[in-house]
Amino acid sequence: MWRLATGLGAGMSRRQTVCGALAGGVLACGLIIGRERHSGPDDRVPLQEQTYAKVQALMRRFEERFGAIECRTMTGCDFGTPEGRQAFKDTQQIERTCKPAVRLVVETIPRLGLTE
C-alpha cells in the first residue's frame, strides 16, 4: 500500500491538486466496496453507485473540515519550487495540515460503514 500511494503526496506528485490523503481515501472506498472486473451488469452498477455515494460523503466531510480538497489551497505552499517546499517545512504543514487530513480520512472510513 505504501508503494501504491507514493505518487499521491503533495497533491499528486507535487501538482498540488487533490490532497493525497483524500485520494487515498477514494482508493480505499473502491478497494472495500468497488465493482469487480468480472462483475456482472447487475452487480456493477449498484457497486459503483455505492462507492460513489461513500466517496461523496468522504469528500463532503473532508471539505467541511479543511475548506478545500486541493493541496495548494490547504497548505498555501507551491510544491513546484524549492522555495515552496521549504516553506512547507518551515510552516510545519505536515503537522498542521497533512497529518490531520490523513487522520480525518482514516477515522471517516469506518463511520461511512466501510470496514474490511
PDB file of N, CA and C in Angstrom:
ATOM      1  N   MET A   1       0.817  -1.200   0.000  1.00  0.00           N
ATOM      2  CA  MET A   1       0.000   0.000   0.000  1.00  0.00           C
ATOM      3  C   MET A   1       0.861   1.265   0.000  1.00  0.00           C
ATOM      4  N   TRP A   2       1.978   1.224   0.730  1.00  0.00           N
ATOM      5  CA  TRP A   2       2.855   2.399   0.733  1.00  0.00           C
ATOM      6  C   TRP A   2       3.332   2.705  -0.675  1.00  0.00           C
ATOM      7  N   ARG A   3       3.745   1.671  -1.401  1.00  0.00           N
ATOM      8  CA  ARG A   3       4.217   1.874  -2.766  1.00  0.00           C
ATOM      9  C   ARG A   3       3.097   2.394  -3.651  1.00  0.00           C
ATOM     10  N   LEU A   4       1.912   1.846  -3.482  1.00  0.00           N
ATOM     11  CA  LEU A   4       0.767   2.281  -4.266  1.00  0.00           C
ATOM     12  C   LEU A   4       0.486   3.773  -4.063  1.00  0.00           C
ATOM     13  N   ALA A   5       0.686   4.249  -2.852  1.00  0.00           N
ATOM     14  CA  ALA A   5       0.355   5.632  -2.519  1.00  0.00           C
ATOM     15  C   ALA A   5       1.500   6.614  -2.753  1.00  0.00           C
ATOM     16  N   THR A   6       2.648   6.158  -3.185  1.00  0.00           N
ATOM     17  CA  THR A   6       3.815   7.027  -3.316  1.00  0.00           C
ATOM     18  C   THR A   6       3.539   8.280  -4.141  1.00  0.00           C
ATOM     19  N   GLY A   7       2.839   8.162  -5.224  1.00  0.00           N
ATOM     20  CA  GLY A   7       2.593   9.301  -6.105  1.00  0.00           C
ATOM     21  C   GLY A   7       1.518  10.260  -5.641  1.00  0.00           C
ATOM     22  N   LEU A   8       0.866   9.956  -4.516  1.00  0.00           N
ATOM     23  CA  LEU A   8      -0.231  10.806  -4.061  1.00  0.00           C
ATOM     24  C   LEU A   8       0.230  12.055  -3.317  1.00  0.00           C
ATOM     25  N   GLY A   9       1.458  12.058  -2.821  1.00  0.00           N
ATOM     26  CA  GLY A   9       1.929  13.162  -1.988  1.00  0.00           C
ATOM     27  C   GLY A   9       2.001  14.489  -2.715  1.00  0.00           C
ATOM     28  N   ALA A  10       1.876  15.555  -1.942  1.00  0.00           N
ATOM     29  CA  ALA A  10       1.971  16.931  -2.435  1.00  0.00           C
ATOM     30  C   ALA A  10       0.924  17.209  -3.511  1.00  0.00           C
ATOM     31  N   GLY A  11      -0.261  16.681  -3.284  1.00  0.00           N
ATOM     32  CA  GLY A  11      -1.353  16.942  -4.215  1.00  0.00           C
ATOM     33  C   GLY A  11      -1.139  16.281  -5.552  1.00  0.00           C
ATOM     34  N   MET A  12      -0.766  15.030  -5.537  1.00  0.00           N
ATOM     35  CA  MET A  12      -0.498  14.207  -6.720  1.00  0.00           C
ATOM     36  C   MET A  12       0.845  14.589  -7.343  1.00  0.00           C
ATOM     37  N   SER A  13       1.883  14.114  -6.727  1.00  0.00           N
ATOM     38  CA  SER A  13       3.245  14.276  -7.255  1.00  0.00           C
ATOM     39  C   SER A  13       3.637  15.735  -7.483  1.00  0.00           C
ATOM     40  N   ARG A  14       3.373  16.546  -6.473  1.00  0.00           N
ATOM     41  CA  ARG A  14       3.700  17.979  -6.469  1.00  0.00           C
ATOM     42  C   ARG A  14       2.894  18.820  -7.460  1.00  0.00           C
ATOM     43  N   ARG A  15       1.780  18.280  -7.956  1.00  0.00           N
ATOM     44  CA  ARG A  15       0.918  19.052  -8.849  1.00  0.00           C
ATOM     45  C   ARG A  15      -0.048  19.916  -8.050  1.00  0.00           C
ATOM     46  N   GLN A  16      -0.144  19.671  -6.739  1.00  0.00           N
ATOM     47  CA  GLN A  16      -0.935  20.472  -5.817  1.00  0.00           C
ATOM     48  C   GLN A  16      -2.420  20.467  -6.125  1.00  0.00           C
ATOM     49  N   THR A  17      -2.885  19.326  -6.625  1.00  0.00           N
ATOM     50  CA  THR A  17      -4.308  19.211  -6.925  1.00  0.00           C
ATOM     51  C   THR A  17      -4.992  18.538  -5.745  1.00  0.00           C
ATOM     52  N   VAL A  18      -5.718  17.482  -5.956  1.00  0.00           N
ATOM     53  CA  VAL A  18      -6.448  16.823  -4.867  1.00  0.00           C
ATOM     54  C   VAL A  18      -5.470  16.323  -3.809  1.00  0.00           C
ATOM     55  N   CYS A  19      -5.799  16.593  -2.560  1.00  0.00           N
ATOM     56  CA  CYS A  19      -4.974  16.145  -1.437  1.00  0.00           C
ATOM     57  C   CYS A  19      -4.759  14.636  -1.528  1.00  0.00           C
ATOM     58  N   GLY A  20      -3.526  14.214  -1.356  1.00  0.00           N
ATOM     59  CA  GLY A  20      -3.189  12.795  -1.422  1.00  0.00           C
ATOM     60  C   GLY A  20      -3.883  11.967  -0.365  1.00  0.00           C
ATOM     61  N   ALA A  21      -4.133  12.539   0.805  1.00  0.00           N
ATOM     62  CA  ALA A  21      -4.859  11.802   1.850  1.00  0.00           C
ATOM     63  C   ALA A  21      -6.274  11.496   1.375  1.00  0.00           C
ATOM     64  N   LEU A  22      -6.911  12.468   0.764  1.00  0.00           N
ATOM     65  CA  LEU A  22      -8.257  12.260   0.252  1.00  0.00           C
ATOM     66  C   LEU A  22      -8.241  11.267  -0.910  1.00  0.00           C
ATOM     67  N   ALA A  23      -7.282  11.400  -1.796  1.00  0.00           N
ATOM     68  CA  ALA A  23      -7.170  10.461  -2.913  1.00  0.00           C
ATOM     69  C   ALA A  23      -6.984   9.033  -2.396  1.00  0.00           C
ATOM     70  N   GLY A  24      -6.195   8.884  -1.355  1.00  0.00           N
ATOM     71  CA  GLY A  24      -6.022   7.572  -0.744  1.00  0.00           C
ATOM     72  C   GLY A  24      -7.327   7.044  -0.175  1.00  0.00           C
ATOM     73  N   GLY A  25      -8.124   7.922   0.399  1.00  0.00           N
ATOM     74  CA  GLY A  25      -9.435   7.524   0.909  1.00  0.00           C
ATOM     75  C   GLY A  25     -10.362   7.066  -0.204  1.00  0.00           C
ATOM     76  N   VAL A  26     -10.282   7.730  -1.350  1.00  0.00           N
ATOM     77  CA  VAL A  26     -11.084   7.320  -2.502  1.00  0.00           C
ATOM     78  C   VAL A  26     -10.668   5.915  -2.949  1.00  0.00           C
ATOM     79  N   LEU A  27      -9.355   5.677  -2.991  1.00  0.00           N
ATOM     80  CA  LEU A  27      -8.869   4.338  -3.336  1.00  0.00           C
ATOM     81  C   LEU A  27      -9.355   3.300  -2.334  1.00  0.00           C
ATOM     82  N   ALA A  28      -9.344   3.657  -1.059  1.00  0.00           N
ATOM     83  CA  ALA A  28      -9.805   2.719  -0.030  1.00  0.00           C
ATOM     84  C   ALA A  28     -11.281   2.389  -0.216  1.00  0.00           C
ATOM     85  N   CYS A  29     -12.090   3.376  -0.542  1.00  0.00           N
ATOM     86  CA  CYS A  29     -13.513   3.114  -0.789  1.00  0.00           C
ATOM     87  C   CYS A  29     -13.678   2.117  -1.930  1.00  0.00           C
ATOM     88  N   GLY A  30     -12.933   2.324  -2.991  1.00  0.00           N
ATOM     89  CA  GLY A  30     -13.008   1.404  -4.121  1.00  0.00           C
ATOM     90  C   GLY A  30     -12.527   0.017  -3.766  1.00  0.00           C
ATOM     91  N   LEU A  31     -11.476  -0.051  -2.994  1.00  0.00           N
ATOM     92  CA  LEU A  31     -10.934  -1.351  -2.589  1.00  0.00           C
ATOM     93  C   LEU A  31     -11.937  -2.131  -1.748  1.00  0.00           C
ATOM     94  N   ILE A  32     -12.641  -1.430  -0.889  1.00  0.00           N
ATOM     95  CA  ILE A  32     -13.553  -2.097   0.033  1.00  0.00           C
ATOM     96  C   ILE A  32     -14.874  -2.500  -0.630  1.00  0.00           C
ATOM     97  N   ILE A  33     -15.486  -1.596  -1.417  1.00  0.00           N
ATOM     98  CA  ILE A  33     -16.800  -1.936  -1.963  1.00  0.00           C
ATOM     99  C   ILE A  33     -16.910  -1.803  -3.471  1.00  0.00           C
ATOM    100  N   GLY A  34     -15.878  -1.395  -4.134  1.00  0.00           N
ATOM    101  CA  GLY A  34     -15.957  -1.157  -5.572  1.00  0.00           C
ATOM    102  C   GLY A  34     -16.275  -2.392  -6.376  1.00  0.00           C
ATOM    103  N   ARG A  35     -16.632  -2.145  -7.601  1.00  0.00           N
ATOM    104  CA  ARG A  35     -17.001  -3.242  -8.501  1.00  0.00           C
ATOM    105  C   ARG A  35     -15.789  -4.091  -8.845  1.00  0.00           C
ATOM    106  N   GLU A  36     -16.053  -5.335  -9.137  1.00  0.00           N
ATOM    107  CA  GLU A  36     -15.007  -6.270  -9.554  1.00  0.00           C
ATOM    108  C   GLU A  36     -14.908  -6.251 -11.073  1.00  0.00           C
ATOM    109  N   ARG A  37     -13.764  -6.582 -11.572  1.00  0.00           N
ATOM    110  CA  ARG A  37     -13.552  -6.598 -13.014  1.00  0.00           C
ATOM    111  C   ARG A  37     -14.533  -7.536 -13.709  1.00  0.00           C
ATOM    112  N   HIS A  38     -14.800  -8.648 -13.083  1.00  0.00           N
ATOM    113  CA  HIS A  38     -15.669  -9.647 -13.698  1.00  0.00           C
ATOM    114  C   HIS A  38     -17.085  -9.622 -13.140  1.00  0.00           C
ATOM    115  N   SER A  39     -17.464  -8.527 -12.504  1.00  0.00           N
ATOM    116  CA  SER A  39     -18.830  -8.410 -12.005  1.00  0.00           C
ATOM    117  C   SER A  39     -19.792  -8.394 -13.186  1.00  0.00           C
ATOM    118  N   GLY A  40     -20.936  -8.985 -12.960  1.00  0.00           N
ATOM    119  CA  GLY A  40     -21.967  -8.934 -13.984  1.00  0.00           C
ATOM    120  C   GLY A  40     -22.635  -7.567 -13.979  1.00  0.00           C
ATOM    121  N   PRO A  41     -23.378  -7.249 -15.022  1.00  0.00           N
ATOM    122  CA  PRO A  41     -24.015  -5.929 -15.109  1.00  0.00           C
ATOM    123  C   PRO A  41     -24.958  -5.651 -13.947  1.00  0.00           C
ATOM    124  N   ASP A  42     -25.570  -6.693 -13.402  1.00  0.00           N
ATOM    125  CA  ASP A  42     -26.488  -6.484 -12.279  1.00  0.00           C
ATOM    126  C   ASP A  42     -25.745  -6.094 -11.003  1.00  0.00           C
ATOM    127  N   ASP A  43     -24.479  -6.452 -10.904  1.00  0.00           N
ATOM    128  CA  ASP A  43     -23.665  -6.115  -9.737  1.00  0.00           C
ATOM    129  C   ASP A  43     -22.877  -4.827  -9.935  1.00  0.00           C
ATOM    130  N   ARG A  44     -22.413  -4.612 -11.138  1.00  0.00           N
ATOM    131  CA  ARG A  44     -21.506  -3.493 -11.413  1.00  0.00           C
ATOM    132  C   ARG A  44     -22.095  -2.141 -11.058  1.00  0.00           C
ATOM    133  N   VAL A  45     -23.270  -1.856 -11.560  1.00  0.00           N
ATOM    134  CA  VAL A  45     -23.876  -0.540 -11.348  1.00  0.00           C
ATOM    135  C   VAL A  45     -24.158  -0.282  -9.876  1.00  0.00           C
ATOM    136  N   PRO A  46     -24.792  -1.214  -9.157  1.00  0.00           N
ATOM    137  CA  PRO A  46     -25.017  -0.952  -7.727  1.00  0.00           C
ATOM    138  C   PRO A  46     -23.720  -0.752  -6.938  1.00  0.00           C
ATOM    139  N   LEU A  47     -22.698  -1.536  -7.237  1.00  0.00           N
ATOM    140  CA  LEU A  47     -21.426  -1.371  -6.528  1.00  0.00           C
ATOM    141  C   LEU A  47     -20.787  -0.027  -6.849  1.00  0.00           C
ATOM    142  N   GLN A  48     -20.872   0.383  -8.091  1.00  0.00           N
ATOM    143  CA  GLN A  48     -20.336   1.688  -8.478  1.00  0.00           C
ATOM    144  C   GLN A  48     -21.105   2.799  -7.775  1.00  0.00           C
ATOM    145  N   GLU A  49     -22.413   2.704  -7.750  1.00  0.00           N
ATOM    146  CA  GLU A  49     -23.225   3.731  -7.094  1.00  0.00           C
ATOM    147  C   GLU A  49     -22.955   3.784  -5.593  1.00  0.00           C
ATOM    148  N   GLN A  50     -22.800   2.631  -4.955  1.00  0.00           N
ATOM    149  CA  GLN A  50     -22.475   2.610  -3.525  1.00  0.00           C
ATOM    150  C   GLN A  50     -21.130   3.268  -3.279  1.00  0.00           C
ATOM    151  N   THR A  51     -20.161   2.948  -4.136  1.00  0.00           N
ATOM    152  CA  THR A  51     -18.829   3.537  -3.989  1.00  0.00           C
ATOM    153  C   THR A  51     -18.902   5.050  -4.163  1.00  0.00           C
ATOM    154  N   TYR A  52     -19.583   5.507  -5.193  1.00  0.00           N
ATOM    155  CA  TYR A  52     -19.707   6.946  -5.433  1.00  0.00           C
ATOM    156  C   TYR A  52     -20.348   7.653  -4.243  1.00  0.00           C
ATOM    157  N   ALA A  53     -21.380   7.052  -3.673  1.00  0.00           N
ATOM    158  CA  ALA A  53     -22.052   7.674  -2.526  1.00  0.00           C
ATOM    159  C   ALA A  53     -21.102   7.797  -1.336  1.00  0.00           C
ATOM    160  N   LYS A  54     -20.317   6.762  -1.068  1.00  0.00           N
ATOM    161  CA  LYS A  54     -19.375   6.805   0.052  1.00  0.00           C
ATOM    162  C   LYS A  54     -18.268   7.819  -0.219  1.00  0.00           C
ATOM    163  N   VAL A  55     -17.776   7.864  -1.454  1.00  0.00           N
ATOM    164  CA  VAL A  55     -16.725   8.830  -1.807  1.00  0.00           C
ATOM    165  C   VAL A  55     -17.261  10.254  -1.666  1.00  0.00           C
ATOM    166  N   GLN A  56     -18.472  10.490  -2.123  1.00  0.00           N
ATOM    167  CA  GLN A  56     -19.047  11.834  -1.998  1.00  0.00           C
ATOM    168  C   GLN A  56     -19.193  12.238  -0.530  1.00  0.00           C
ATOM    169  N   ALA A  57     -19.603  11.303   0.305  1.00  0.00           N
ATOM    170  CA  ALA A  57     -19.719  11.591   1.741  1.00  0.00           C
ATOM    171  C   ALA A  57     -18.358  11.907   2.340  1.00  0.00           C
ATOM    172  N   LEU A  58     -17.353  11.138   1.962  1.00  0.00           N
ATOM    173  CA  LEU A  58     -15.993  11.392   2.436  1.00  0.00           C
ATOM    174  C   LEU A  58     -15.519  12.767   1.985  1.00  0.00           C
ATOM    175  N   MET A  59     -15.743  13.092   0.737  1.00  0.00           N
ATOM    176  CA  MET A  59     -15.306  14.386   0.212  1.00  0.00           C
ATOM    177  C   MET A  59     -16.013  15.546   0.908  1.00  0.00           C
ATOM    178  N   ARG A  60     -17.316  15.394   1.162  1.00  0.00           N
ATOM    179  CA  ARG A  60     -18.049  16.455   1.874  1.00  0.00           C
ATOM    180  C   ARG A  60     -17.459  16.678   3.263  1.00  0.00           C
ATOM    181  N   ARG A  61     -17.246  15.593   3.976  1.00  0.00           N
ATOM    182  CA  ARG A  61     -16.686  15.705   5.339  1.00  0.00           C
ATOM    183  C   ARG A  61     -15.306  16.361   5.300  1.00  0.00           C
ATOM    184  N   PHE A  62     -14.491  15.949   4.343  1.00  0.00           N
ATOM    185  CA  PHE A  62     -13.143  16.485   4.202  1.00  0.00           C
ATOM    186  C   PHE A  62     -13.191  17.989   3.915  1.00  0.00           C
ATOM    187  N   GLU A  63     -14.031  18.369   2.965  1.00  0.00           N
ATOM    188  CA  GLU A  63     -14.118  19.788   2.600  1.00  0.00           C
ATOM    189  C   GLU A  63     -14.709  20.632   3.725  1.00  0.00           C
ATOM    190  N   GLU A  64     -15.650  20.069   4.465  1.00  0.00           N
ATOM    191  CA  GLU A  64     -16.195  20.790   5.623  1.00  0.00           C
ATOM    192  C   GLU A  64     -15.102  21.069   6.641  1.00  0.00           C
ATOM    193  N   ARG A  65     -14.235  20.108   6.852  1.00  0.00           N
ATOM    194  CA  ARG A  65     -13.169  20.245   7.857  1.00  0.00           C
ATOM    195  C   ARG A  65     -12.055  21.169   7.396  1.00  0.00           C
ATOM    196  N   PHE A  66     -11.639  21.037   6.129  1.00  0.00           N
ATOM    197  CA  PHE A  66     -10.462  21.773   5.658  1.00  0.00           C
ATOM    198  C   PHE A  66     -10.788  22.949   4.741  1.00  0.00           C
ATOM    199  N   GLY A  67     -12.025  23.077   4.332  1.00  0.00           N
ATOM    200  CA  GLY A  67     -12.410  24.198   3.480  1.00  0.00           C
ATOM    201  C   GLY A  67     -12.007  24.031   2.025  1.00  0.00           C
ATOM    202  N   ALA A  68     -11.391  22.929   1.699  1.00  0.00           N
ATOM    203  CA  ALA A  68     -10.930  22.671   0.332  1.00  0.00           C
ATOM    204  C   ALA A  68     -10.534  21.213   0.228  1.00  0.00           C
ATOM    205  N   ILE A  69     -10.333  20.765  -1.008  1.00  0.00           N
ATOM    206  CA  ILE A  69      -9.789  19.426  -1.221  1.00  0.00           C
ATOM    207  C   ILE A  69      -8.458  19.494  -1.965  1.00  0.00           C
ATOM    208  N   GLU A  70      -8.061  20.706  -2.376  1.00  0.00           N
ATOM    209  CA  GLU A  70      -6.820  20.881  -3.133  1.00  0.00           C
ATOM    210  C   GLU A  70      -5.662  21.181  -2.189  1.00  0.00           C
ATOM    211  N   CYS A  71      -4.585  20.489  -2.419  1.00  0.00           N
ATOM    212  CA  CYS A  71      -3.380  20.629  -1.608  1.00  0.00           C
ATOM    213  C   CYS A  71      -2.897  22.083  -1.555  1.00  0.00           C
ATOM    214  N   ARG A  72      -2.853  22.737  -2.704  1.00  0.00           N
ATOM    215  CA  ARG A  72      -2.315  24.111  -2.737  1.00  0.00           C
ATOM    216  C   ARG A  72      -3.140  25.055  -1.881  1.00  0.00           C
ATOM    217  N   THR A  73      -4.448  24.867  -1.869  1.00  0.00           N
ATOM    218  CA  THR A  73      -5.315  25.714  -1.056  1.00  0.00           C
ATOM    219  C   THR A  73      -5.148  25.393   0.421  1.00  0.00           C
ATOM    220  N   MET A  74      -5.047  24.117   0.719  1.00  0.00           N
ATOM    221  CA  MET A  74      -4.945  23.695   2.112  1.00  0.00           C
ATOM    222  C   MET A  74      -3.631  24.113   2.759  1.00  0.00           C
ATOM    223  N   THR A  75      -2.523  24.012   2.036  1.00  0.00           N
ATOM    224  CA  THR A  75      -1.213  24.300   2.626  1.00  0.00           C
ATOM    225  C   THR A  75      -0.715  25.706   2.339  1.00  0.00           C
ATOM    226  N   GLY A  76      -1.167  26.297   1.246  1.00  0.00           N
ATOM    227  CA  GLY A  76      -0.671  27.615   0.849  1.00  0.00           C
ATOM    228  C   GLY A  76       0.753  27.575   0.328  1.00  0.00           C
ATOM    229  N   CYS A  77       1.239  26.402  -0.020  1.00  0.00           N
ATOM    230  CA  CYS A  77       2.625  26.240  -0.474  1.00  0.00           C
ATOM    231  C   CYS A  77       2.675  25.771  -1.924  1.00  0.00           C
ATOM    232  N   ASP A  78       3.692  26.243  -2.636  1.00  0.00           N
ATOM    233  CA  ASP A  78       3.914  25.842  -4.024  1.00  0.00           C
ATOM    234  C   ASP A  78       4.977  24.753  -4.055  1.00  0.00           C
ATOM    235  N   PHE A  79       4.533  23.506  -4.181  1.00  0.00           N
ATOM    236  CA  PHE A  79       5.467  22.384  -4.177  1.00  0.00           C
ATOM    237  C   PHE A  79       6.268  22.275  -5.463  1.00  0.00           C
ATOM    238  N   GLY A  80       5.936  23.087  -6.441  1.00  0.00           N
ATOM    239  CA  GLY A  80       6.659  23.069  -7.703  1.00  0.00           C
ATOM    240  C   GLY A  80       7.992  23.788  -7.652  1.00  0.00           C
ATOM    241  N   THR A  81       8.285  24.445  -6.533  1.00  0.00           N
ATOM    242  CA  THR A  81       9.551  25.168  -6.392  1.00  0.00           C
ATOM    243  C   THR A  81      10.263  24.727  -5.123  1.00  0.00           C
ATOM    244  N   PRO A  82      11.590  24.812  -5.124  1.00  0.00           N
ATOM    245  CA  PRO A  82      12.320  24.508  -3.891  1.00  0.00           C
ATOM    246  C   PRO A  82      11.910  25.434  -2.741  1.00  0.00           C
ATOM    247  N   GLU A  83      11.631  26.690  -3.062  1.00  0.00           N
ATOM    248  CA  GLU A  83      11.225  27.646  -2.023  1.00  0.00           C
ATOM    249  C   GLU A  83       9.879  27.249  -1.407  1.00  0.00           C
ATOM    250  N   GLY A  84       8.980  26.795  -2.244  1.00  0.00           N
ATOM    251  CA  GLY A  84       7.675  26.364  -1.749  1.00  0.00           C
ATOM    252  C   GLY A  84       7.774  25.132  -0.870  1.00  0.00           C
ATOM    253  N   ARG A  85       8.637  24.217  -1.268  1.00  0.00           N
ATOM    254  CA  ARG A  85       8.842  23.013  -0.447  1.00  0.00           C
ATOM    255  C   ARG A  85       9.487  23.381   0.886  1.00  0.00           C
ATOM    256  N   GLN A  86      10.371  24.356   0.867  1.00  0.00           N
ATOM    257  CA  GLN A  86      10.976  24.811   2.118  1.00  0.00           C
ATOM    258  C   GLN A  86       9.943  25.521   2.991  1.00  0.00           C
ATOM    259  N   ALA A  87       9.076  26.313   2.367  1.00  0.00           N
ATOM    260  CA  ALA A  87       8.014  26.981   3.124  1.00  0.00           C
ATOM    261  C   ALA A  87       7.100  25.956   3.780  1.00  0.00           C
ATOM    262  N   PHE A  88       6.838  24.858   3.074  1.00  0.00           N
ATOM    263  CA  PHE A  88       6.033  23.769   3.638  1.00  0.00           C
ATOM    264  C   PHE A  88       6.681  23.259   4.923  1.00  0.00           C
ATOM    265  N   LYS A  89       7.987  23.063   4.875  1.00  0.00           N
ATOM    266  CA  LYS A  89       8.711  22.591   6.061  1.00  0.00           C
ATOM    267  C   LYS A  89       8.721  23.655   7.151  1.00  0.00           C
ATOM    268  N   ASP A  90       9.030  24.883   6.773  1.00  0.00           N
ATOM    269  CA  ASP A  90       9.150  25.971   7.749  1.00  0.00           C
ATOM    270  C   ASP A  90       7.839  26.239   8.490  1.00  0.00           C
ATOM    271  N   THR A  91       6.726  26.089   7.792  1.00  0.00           N
ATOM    272  CA  THR A  91       5.432  26.362   8.413  1.00  0.00           C
ATOM    273  C   THR A  91       4.803  25.115   9.035  1.00  0.00           C
ATOM    274  N   GLN A  92       5.563  24.034   9.031  1.00  0.00           N
ATOM    275  CA  GLN A  92       5.144  22.773   9.659  1.00  0.00           C
ATOM    276  C   GLN A  92       3.783  22.294   9.154  1.00  0.00           C
ATOM    277  N   GLN A  93       3.590  22.408   7.849  1.00  0.00           N
ATOM    278  CA  GLN A  93       2.321  21.998   7.252  1.00  0.00           C
ATOM    279  C   GLN A  93       2.053  20.503   7.405  1.00  0.00           C
ATOM    280  N   ILE A  94       3.108  19.722   7.480  1.00  0.00           N
ATOM    281  CA  ILE A  94       2.867  18.279   7.655  1.00  0.00           C
ATOM    282  C   ILE A  94       2.126  18.005   8.961  1.00  0.00           C
ATOM    283  N   GLU A  95       2.445  18.765   9.991  1.00  0.00           N
ATOM    284  CA  GLU A  95       1.768  18.610  11.284  1.00  0.00           C
ATOM    285  C   GLU A  95       0.435  19.347  11.310  1.00  0.00           C
ATOM    286  N   ARG A  96       0.396  20.504  10.688  1.00  0.00           N
ATOM    287  CA  ARG A  96      -0.792  21.354  10.748  1.00  0.00           C
ATOM    288  C   ARG A  96      -1.892  20.931   9.780  1.00  0.00           C
ATOM    289  N   THR A  97      -1.501  20.349   8.646  1.00  0.00           N
ATOM    290  CA  THR A  97      -2.474  20.050   7.601  1.00  0.00           C
ATOM    291  C   THR A  97      -2.473  18.586   7.189  1.00  0.00           C
ATOM    292  N   CYS A  98      -1.312  18.064   6.837  1.00  0.00           N
ATOM    293  CA  CYS A  98      -1.247  16.729   6.231  1.00  0.00           C
ATOM    294  C   CYS A  98      -1.636  15.616   7.200  1.00  0.00           C
ATOM    295  N   LYS A  99      -1.049  15.600   8.358  1.00  0.00           N
ATOM    296  CA  LYS A  99      -1.386  14.552   9.322  1.00  0.00           C
ATOM    297  C   LYS A  99      -2.851  14.630   9.750  1.00  0.00           C
ATOM    298  N   PRO A 100      -3.398  15.830  10.003  1.00  0.00           N
ATOM    299  CA  PRO A 100      -4.827  15.885  10.304  1.00  0.00           C
ATOM    300  C   PRO A 100      -5.704  15.408   9.137  1.00  0.00           C
ATOM    301  N   ALA A 101      -5.267  15.655   7.921  1.00  0.00           N
ATOM    302  CA  ALA A 101      -6.036  15.187   6.758  1.00  0.00           C
ATOM    303  C   ALA A 101      -6.040  13.672   6.696  1.00  0.00           C
ATOM    304  N   VAL A 102      -4.886  13.066   6.891  1.00  0.00           N
ATOM    305  CA  VAL A 102      -4.809  11.598   6.897  1.00  0.00           C
ATOM    306  C   VAL A 102      -5.669  11.042   8.032  1.00  0.00           C
ATOM    307  N   ARG A 103      -5.562  11.654   9.193  1.00  0.00           N
ATOM    308  CA  ARG A 103      -6.324  11.191  10.355  1.00  0.00           C
ATOM    309  C   ARG A 103      -7.826  11.265  10.070  1.00  0.00           C
ATOM    310  N   LEU A 104      -8.290  12.364   9.481  1.00  0.00           N
ATOM    311  CA  LEU A 104      -9.704  12.501   9.181  1.00  0.00           C
ATOM    312  C   LEU A 104     -10.170  11.395   8.236  1.00  0.00           C
ATOM    313  N   VAL A 105      -9.401  11.102   7.205  1.00  0.00           N
ATOM    314  CA  VAL A 105      -9.775  10.055   6.254  1.00  0.00           C
ATOM    315  C   VAL A 105      -9.826   8.700   6.958  1.00  0.00           C
ATOM    316  N   VAL A 106      -8.807   8.389   7.729  1.00  0.00           N
ATOM    317  CA  VAL A 106      -8.750   7.092   8.418  1.00  0.00           C
ATOM    318  C   VAL A 106      -9.901   6.949   9.410  1.00  0.00           C
ATOM    319  N   GLU A 107     -10.245   8.011  10.083  1.00  0.00           N
ATOM    320  CA  GLU A 107     -11.346   7.958  11.039  1.00  0.00           C
ATOM    321  C   GLU A 107     -12.714   7.946  10.356  1.00  0.00           C
ATOM    322  N   THR A 108     -12.808   8.529   9.175  1.00  0.00           N
ATOM    323  CA  THR A 108     -14.086   8.627   8.480  1.00  0.00           C
ATOM    324  C   THR A 108     -14.490   7.328   7.804  1.00  0.00           C
ATOM    325  N   ILE A 109     -13.538   6.584   7.280  1.00  0.00           N
ATOM    326  CA  ILE A 109     -13.856   5.359   6.541  1.00  0.00           C
ATOM    327  C   ILE A 109     -14.768   4.430   7.359  1.00  0.00           C
ATOM    328  N   PRO A 110     -14.450   4.108   8.614  1.00  0.00           N
ATOM    329  CA  PRO A 110     -15.364   3.236   9.372  1.00  0.00           C
ATOM    330  C   PRO A 110     -16.723   3.875   9.636  1.00  0.00           C
ATOM    331  N   ARG A 111     -16.762   5.184   9.781  1.00  0.00           N
ATOM    332  CA  ARG A 111     -18.032   5.880  10.024  1.00  0.00           C
ATOM    333  C   ARG A 111     -18.953   5.827   8.807  1.00  0.00           C
ATOM    334  N   LEU A 112     -18.374   5.635   7.652  1.00  0.00           N
ATOM    335  CA  LEU A 112     -19.172   5.522   6.422  1.00  0.00           C
ATOM    336  C   LEU A 112     -19.687   4.105   6.227  1.00  0.00           C
ATOM    337  N   GLY A 113     -19.381   3.240   7.175  1.00  0.00           N
ATOM    338  CA  GLY A 113     -19.774   1.847   7.037  1.00  0.00           C
ATOM    339  C   GLY A 113     -18.800   1.071   6.161  1.00  0.00           C
ATOM    340  N   LEU A 114     -17.590   1.600   6.031  1.00  0.00           N
ATOM    341  CA  LEU A 114     -16.563   0.948   5.221  1.00  0.00           C
ATOM    342  C   LEU A 114     -15.521   0.338   6.120  1.00  0.00           C
ATOM    343  N   THR A 115     -15.588  -0.934   6.294  1.00  0.00           N
ATOM    344  CA  THR A 115     -14.566  -1.642   7.048  1.00  0.00           C
ATOM    345  C   THR A 115     -14.350  -2.987   6.411  1.00  0.00           C
ATOM    346  N   GLU A 116     -13.128  -3.420   6.449  1.00  0.00           N
ATOM    347  CA  GLU A 116     -12.814  -4.754   5.947  1.00  0.00           C
ATOM    348  C   GLU A 116     -11.427  -5.115   6.356  1.00  0.00           C
TER     349      GLU A 116
END
